[in-house]
N, C-alpha and C. Protein backbone atom coordinates (compact mmCIF):
# COMPACT_ATOMS: atom_id res chain seq x y z
N MET A 1 21.40 -17.34 47.13
CA MET A 1 22.01 -17.17 45.54
C MET A 1 23.59 -17.51 46.13
N ARG A 2 24.24 -18.04 44.33
CA ARG A 2 25.42 -18.43 44.50
C ARG A 2 25.78 -17.96 43.27
N ARG A 3 26.92 -17.70 43.11
CA ARG A 3 27.77 -16.36 42.04
C ARG A 3 28.67 -17.57 41.72
N TYR A 4 29.18 -17.75 39.95
CA TYR A 4 30.21 -18.51 39.39
C TYR A 4 30.28 -17.37 38.52
N CYS A 5 32.24 -18.15 38.51
CA CYS A 5 32.97 -16.36 37.83
C CYS A 5 33.41 -17.74 36.57
N LEU A 6 33.18 -17.50 35.30
CA LEU A 6 33.76 -17.81 34.06
C LEU A 6 34.80 -17.33 33.17
N ALA A 7 36.24 -18.20 32.58
CA ALA A 7 36.61 -17.01 30.98
C ALA A 7 36.44 -18.26 30.46
N VAL A 8 36.79 -16.98 29.67
CA VAL A 8 36.93 -17.49 28.03
C VAL A 8 37.60 -16.58 26.88
N ASP A 9 38.83 -17.04 25.79
CA ASP A 9 39.11 -15.57 25.50
C ASP A 9 38.30 -16.01 23.52
N LEU A 10 38.80 -14.74 23.60
CA LEU A 10 38.79 -14.62 22.08
C LEU A 10 39.24 -14.42 20.96
N VAL A 11 38.67 -14.59 19.47
CA VAL A 11 39.88 -15.13 18.80
C VAL A 11 40.66 -13.19 18.48
N ASP A 12 42.01 -13.11 18.91
CA ASP A 12 42.77 -11.89 20.01
C ASP A 12 42.83 -11.32 17.98
N ASP A 13 41.12 -10.58 17.73
CA ASP A 13 41.59 -9.79 17.07
C ASP A 13 40.34 -9.06 16.23
N ALA A 14 41.20 -7.35 16.13
CA ALA A 14 39.97 -6.81 16.40
C ALA A 14 38.35 -6.66 16.49
N GLY A 15 38.48 -7.31 14.82
CA GLY A 15 37.31 -6.19 14.36
C GLY A 15 35.81 -7.45 14.93
N LYS A 16 36.58 -8.74 14.91
CA LYS A 16 36.18 -10.22 15.41
C LYS A 16 35.40 -9.96 16.94
N ILE A 17 36.35 -8.86 17.68
CA ILE A 17 36.17 -8.40 19.02
C ILE A 17 34.55 -7.83 19.35
N ALA A 18 35.10 -6.66 17.98
CA ALA A 18 34.16 -5.31 18.22
C ALA A 18 32.84 -6.04 17.63
N GLU A 19 32.86 -7.30 16.75
CA GLU A 19 31.23 -8.40 16.10
C GLU A 19 30.42 -8.61 17.31
N TYR A 20 31.75 -9.49 18.12
CA TYR A 20 31.46 -10.56 19.85
C TYR A 20 30.96 -9.05 19.72
N GLU A 21 30.76 -8.09 20.27
CA GLU A 21 30.42 -6.89 21.36
C GLU A 21 28.77 -6.44 21.16
N ALA A 22 28.98 -6.45 19.44
CA ALA A 22 27.82 -5.33 18.67
C ALA A 22 26.95 -7.28 19.05
N TRP A 23 27.17 -7.90 18.79
CA TRP A 23 26.64 -9.47 19.09
C TRP A 23 25.72 -8.82 20.55
N HIS A 24 26.51 -8.84 21.48
CA HIS A 24 25.79 -8.69 22.70
C HIS A 24 24.78 -7.47 23.34
N LYS A 25 25.32 -6.49 22.61
CA LYS A 25 23.73 -5.11 22.27
C LYS A 25 23.32 -6.17 21.94
N LYS A 26 22.58 -6.94 21.56
CA LYS A 26 20.95 -7.77 20.55
C LYS A 26 21.04 -8.62 19.92
N VAL A 27 21.35 -9.93 22.03
CA VAL A 27 21.48 -10.97 21.82
C VAL A 27 19.65 -11.48 21.17
N TRP A 28 19.63 -12.47 21.13
CA TRP A 28 18.69 -13.03 20.49
C TRP A 28 17.54 -13.23 22.19
N PRO A 29 16.29 -12.18 21.56
CA PRO A 29 15.38 -13.25 22.89
C PRO A 29 15.29 -14.37 22.98
N ASP A 30 15.23 -15.42 22.56
CA ASP A 30 15.27 -17.53 22.82
C ASP A 30 16.33 -17.59 23.89
N ILE A 31 17.77 -16.75 23.36
CA ILE A 31 18.69 -16.79 24.23
C ILE A 31 18.60 -16.56 25.93
N ILE A 32 18.56 -15.29 25.36
CA ILE A 32 17.39 -14.15 27.14
C ILE A 32 16.87 -15.69 27.76
N GLU A 33 15.68 -16.06 26.68
CA GLU A 33 14.73 -16.89 27.62
C GLU A 33 14.96 -17.75 28.52
N SER A 34 16.30 -18.87 28.03
CA SER A 34 17.19 -20.03 27.83
C SER A 34 17.86 -19.70 29.44
N ILE A 35 18.27 -18.07 29.61
CA ILE A 35 19.05 -18.35 30.26
C ILE A 35 18.29 -18.26 31.36
N VAL A 36 17.12 -17.01 31.32
CA VAL A 36 17.10 -16.54 33.09
C VAL A 36 16.05 -17.59 33.23
N SER A 37 15.97 -18.53 31.57
CA SER A 37 14.75 -19.77 32.27
C SER A 37 15.44 -21.38 33.51
N SER A 38 16.61 -21.06 33.09
CA SER A 38 17.15 -21.93 33.87
C SER A 38 18.32 -21.47 35.45
N GLY A 39 17.43 -20.67 35.54
CA GLY A 39 17.99 -20.23 36.99
C GLY A 39 19.40 -19.56 37.62
N ILE A 40 19.09 -17.95 36.21
CA ILE A 40 21.03 -18.15 36.44
C ILE A 40 19.87 -16.23 36.51
N GLU A 41 19.76 -15.39 37.65
CA GLU A 41 19.43 -14.40 37.14
C GLU A 41 20.44 -13.64 37.13
N GLN A 42 21.33 -13.82 37.11
CA GLN A 42 21.85 -12.08 36.54
C GLN A 42 22.75 -13.11 35.84
N MET A 43 23.93 -12.00 35.13
CA MET A 43 24.74 -12.10 34.51
C MET A 43 25.70 -11.45 33.48
N GLU A 44 26.71 -10.83 33.87
CA GLU A 44 27.74 -10.21 33.55
C GLU A 44 28.94 -10.48 32.66
N ILE A 45 29.22 -10.05 31.04
CA ILE A 45 30.10 -10.55 30.83
C ILE A 45 31.75 -8.85 30.53
N TYR A 46 32.63 -9.42 31.02
CA TYR A 46 33.26 -8.14 30.68
C TYR A 46 34.53 -8.78 30.54
N ARG A 47 35.74 -7.68 29.34
CA ARG A 47 37.06 -7.94 28.32
C ARG A 47 37.61 -7.12 29.11
N VAL A 48 38.92 -8.15 28.44
CA VAL A 48 40.06 -7.14 28.96
C VAL A 48 40.72 -7.99 27.51
N ALA A 49 41.16 -6.98 26.98
CA ALA A 49 42.04 -7.39 25.69
C ALA A 49 40.87 -8.68 24.82
N ASN A 50 41.85 -9.91 24.50
CA ASN A 50 40.71 -11.13 24.21
C ASN A 50 40.82 -11.82 25.66
N ARG A 51 39.94 -11.43 26.90
CA ARG A 51 40.07 -12.99 27.31
C ARG A 51 39.22 -12.20 27.90
N MET A 52 37.48 -13.21 28.75
CA MET A 52 36.23 -12.45 28.56
C MET A 52 35.96 -13.32 29.80
N PHE A 53 34.95 -12.83 31.26
CA PHE A 53 35.40 -13.19 32.40
C PHE A 53 33.47 -12.92 32.50
N MET A 54 32.99 -13.84 32.88
CA MET A 54 31.20 -14.24 32.83
C MET A 54 31.30 -14.18 35.02
N ILE A 55 30.44 -12.65 34.97
CA ILE A 55 29.66 -13.29 35.96
C ILE A 55 28.56 -13.63 35.69
N MET A 56 27.90 -15.53 37.09
CA MET A 56 27.07 -14.84 37.19
C MET A 56 25.70 -15.21 38.49
N ASP A 57 24.74 -15.08 38.50
CA ASP A 57 24.47 -14.83 40.45
C ASP A 57 22.96 -15.93 39.73
N VAL A 58 23.21 -16.80 40.52
CA VAL A 58 22.11 -18.27 40.16
C VAL A 58 21.14 -18.25 41.36
N LYS A 59 20.33 -19.08 40.58
CA LYS A 59 19.44 -19.69 42.03
C LYS A 59 20.06 -20.72 42.79
N ASP A 60 19.75 -21.13 43.75
CA ASP A 60 20.15 -22.58 44.37
C ASP A 60 19.65 -23.52 43.62
N GLU A 61 19.16 -23.81 43.16
CA GLU A 61 18.23 -24.46 42.68
C GLU A 61 19.39 -24.69 41.09
N PHE A 62 19.37 -24.26 40.13
CA PHE A 62 20.60 -24.11 39.08
C PHE A 62 21.33 -24.83 39.52
N SER A 63 21.68 -25.36 37.54
CA SER A 63 22.43 -26.56 37.98
C SER A 63 23.17 -26.30 36.36
N PHE A 64 24.85 -26.35 35.83
CA PHE A 64 25.05 -26.28 35.04
C PHE A 64 25.34 -27.53 34.12
N GLU A 65 24.73 -28.98 34.86
CA GLU A 65 24.53 -30.03 34.09
C GLU A 65 23.16 -29.93 33.56
N ALA A 66 21.71 -29.20 34.46
CA ALA A 66 20.69 -29.36 33.58
C ALA A 66 20.70 -28.22 32.53
N LYS A 67 21.62 -27.06 32.28
CA LYS A 67 21.75 -25.79 31.95
C LYS A 67 22.03 -26.50 29.91
N ALA A 68 23.35 -27.60 30.34
CA ALA A 68 24.07 -28.31 29.45
C ALA A 68 22.75 -28.67 28.68
N LYS A 69 21.72 -29.82 29.42
CA LYS A 69 20.98 -30.45 28.83
C LYS A 69 19.65 -29.59 28.35
N ALA A 70 19.12 -28.45 28.57
CA ALA A 70 17.89 -28.11 27.84
C ALA A 70 18.60 -27.46 26.91
N ASP A 71 20.10 -27.20 27.08
CA ASP A 71 20.40 -26.37 25.37
C ASP A 71 20.71 -26.85 25.18
N ALA A 72 21.46 -27.96 25.07
CA ALA A 72 21.39 -29.47 23.81
C ALA A 72 20.42 -29.58 22.90
N ALA A 73 19.18 -29.37 24.10
CA ALA A 73 17.47 -29.77 23.04
C ALA A 73 17.22 -28.07 22.75
N ASN A 74 17.72 -27.55 22.59
CA ASN A 74 17.06 -25.88 22.00
C ASN A 74 17.64 -25.65 20.94
N ALA A 75 17.01 -25.53 19.64
CA ALA A 75 17.93 -25.44 18.38
C ALA A 75 18.86 -23.61 18.13
N LYS A 76 18.12 -22.60 18.82
CA LYS A 76 18.19 -21.52 18.77
C LYS A 76 19.29 -20.64 19.76
N VAL A 77 19.77 -22.34 20.25
CA VAL A 77 20.78 -21.17 21.74
C VAL A 77 22.13 -22.91 20.93
N GLN A 78 22.20 -23.21 20.80
CA GLN A 78 22.54 -24.13 19.33
C GLN A 78 22.34 -23.50 18.44
N GLU A 79 21.90 -22.91 17.46
CA GLU A 79 22.70 -22.06 16.17
C GLU A 79 23.42 -20.47 17.20
N TRP A 80 22.96 -20.35 18.38
CA TRP A 80 23.58 -18.93 19.34
C TRP A 80 24.63 -19.35 19.09
N GLU A 81 25.36 -20.75 19.95
CA GLU A 81 26.16 -21.45 20.05
C GLU A 81 27.85 -21.50 18.93
N LYS A 82 27.34 -21.30 17.98
CA LYS A 82 27.98 -21.95 16.82
C LYS A 82 28.00 -21.12 16.08
N LEU A 83 27.27 -19.93 16.45
CA LEU A 83 27.67 -18.45 15.82
C LEU A 83 28.91 -17.58 16.95
N MET A 84 28.80 -18.11 18.05
CA MET A 84 29.63 -17.59 18.84
C MET A 84 31.40 -18.63 19.06
N TRP A 85 31.21 -19.47 18.66
CA TRP A 85 32.44 -20.15 18.48
C TRP A 85 33.00 -19.57 16.89
N ASP A 86 32.43 -18.24 16.52
CA ASP A 86 32.97 -17.86 15.12
C ASP A 86 34.25 -16.36 15.96
N TYR A 87 34.11 -16.42 16.94
CA TYR A 87 34.39 -15.24 17.60
C TYR A 87 35.79 -15.80 19.10
N GLN A 88 34.46 -16.43 19.32
CA GLN A 88 35.92 -17.32 20.79
C GLN A 88 36.63 -18.55 20.44
N GLN A 89 36.95 -18.64 21.12
CA GLN A 89 38.61 -19.36 21.47
C GLN A 89 38.68 -20.46 22.76
N ALA A 90 39.17 -21.85 22.86
CA ALA A 90 38.94 -21.93 23.72
C ALA A 90 40.47 -21.87 24.95
N LEU A 91 40.11 -21.62 25.75
CA LEU A 91 40.95 -21.16 26.73
C LEU A 91 42.40 -22.63 26.76
N PRO A 92 43.76 -22.19 26.80
CA PRO A 92 44.91 -22.83 26.03
C PRO A 92 45.01 -24.28 26.99
N PHE A 93 43.95 -24.93 27.73
CA PHE A 93 44.42 -26.42 29.00
C PHE A 93 42.75 -26.18 29.01
N ALA A 94 42.01 -25.82 28.48
CA ALA A 94 40.17 -26.63 28.00
C ALA A 94 40.39 -27.69 27.39
N LYS A 95 39.51 -28.35 28.27
CA LYS A 95 39.31 -30.12 27.13
C LYS A 95 38.45 -30.36 26.08
N PRO A 96 39.16 -31.04 24.96
CA PRO A 96 37.82 -30.62 23.36
C PRO A 96 36.56 -30.86 23.75
N GLY A 97 36.04 -29.44 22.83
CA GLY A 97 34.72 -28.72 23.10
C GLY A 97 34.44 -27.19 23.83
N GLU A 98 35.04 -27.41 25.12
CA GLU A 98 34.37 -26.46 26.08
C GLU A 98 35.16 -25.68 25.71
N LYS A 99 33.75 -24.36 26.14
CA LYS A 99 34.30 -22.69 25.71
C LYS A 99 34.72 -22.48 27.78
N TRP A 100 33.80 -21.97 27.99
CA TRP A 100 33.54 -21.27 29.40
C TRP A 100 34.57 -22.41 30.30
N ILE A 101 35.21 -21.80 31.16
CA ILE A 101 35.47 -22.55 32.02
C ILE A 101 35.81 -22.13 33.83
N LEU A 102 35.18 -22.59 34.05
CA LEU A 102 34.95 -21.83 36.03
C LEU A 102 35.48 -21.80 36.82
N MET A 103 35.93 -20.60 37.09
CA MET A 103 37.36 -19.99 38.00
C MET A 103 36.77 -20.10 39.29
N ASP A 104 38.27 -20.46 40.00
CA ASP A 104 38.41 -20.67 41.31
C ASP A 104 38.66 -19.49 41.93
N LYS A 105 37.30 -18.48 43.27
CA LYS A 105 37.71 -17.64 44.29
C LYS A 105 38.81 -18.44 44.68
N VAL A 106 39.57 -16.62 44.63
CA VAL A 106 41.11 -16.71 45.04
C VAL A 106 40.97 -15.90 46.68
N PHE A 107 40.14 -15.14 46.45
CA PHE A 107 40.13 -13.77 48.15
C PHE A 107 39.32 -13.48 47.42
N ASP A 108 38.40 -12.57 48.70
CA ASP A 108 36.97 -12.51 49.67
C ASP A 108 37.18 -11.65 50.89
N LEU A 109 36.93 -10.25 50.01
CA LEU A 109 37.36 -9.28 52.00
C LEU A 109 36.43 -10.01 52.42
N LYS A 110 35.15 -9.93 51.56
CA LYS A 110 33.36 -9.56 52.89
C LYS A 110 33.37 -10.77 53.81
N ASN A 111 34.08 -12.35 52.88
CA ASN A 111 34.25 -13.45 53.94
C ASN A 111 34.59 -13.75 54.92
N ASP A 112 36.12 -13.73 54.57
CA ASP A 112 36.99 -13.86 54.84
C ASP A 112 38.48 -13.32 56.12
N PHE A 113 38.34 -11.50 55.59
CA PHE A 113 38.92 -10.57 56.81
C PHE A 113 37.82 -9.10 57.18
N LEU A 114 36.32 -9.53 56.54
CA LEU A 114 35.40 -8.49 56.87
C LEU A 114 34.82 -8.75 58.36
């Protein structure tokens, strides 16, 4: 199993942030199926102010490229992503159309020190 951490910002508006969190209390079944079928075994999203942080634990065969290809062919996923863009905003250094940005690990207590 591998772990990835990603970040994105939300529109800095308390009402929009509350709506975004409400959507994530009732994620569409098609979206959950897309996540699970891609090889993601666990996903958590955290927020501080308008910065979002996602942790994904994935199977060894998981591929960001395969997930992106499957998502592009899935009308419900595209509908969800379009809806989420109403709440999300790209990080200042993101490429055009890029949302969640993969983060670099800078510290690992267990593997580097223990």
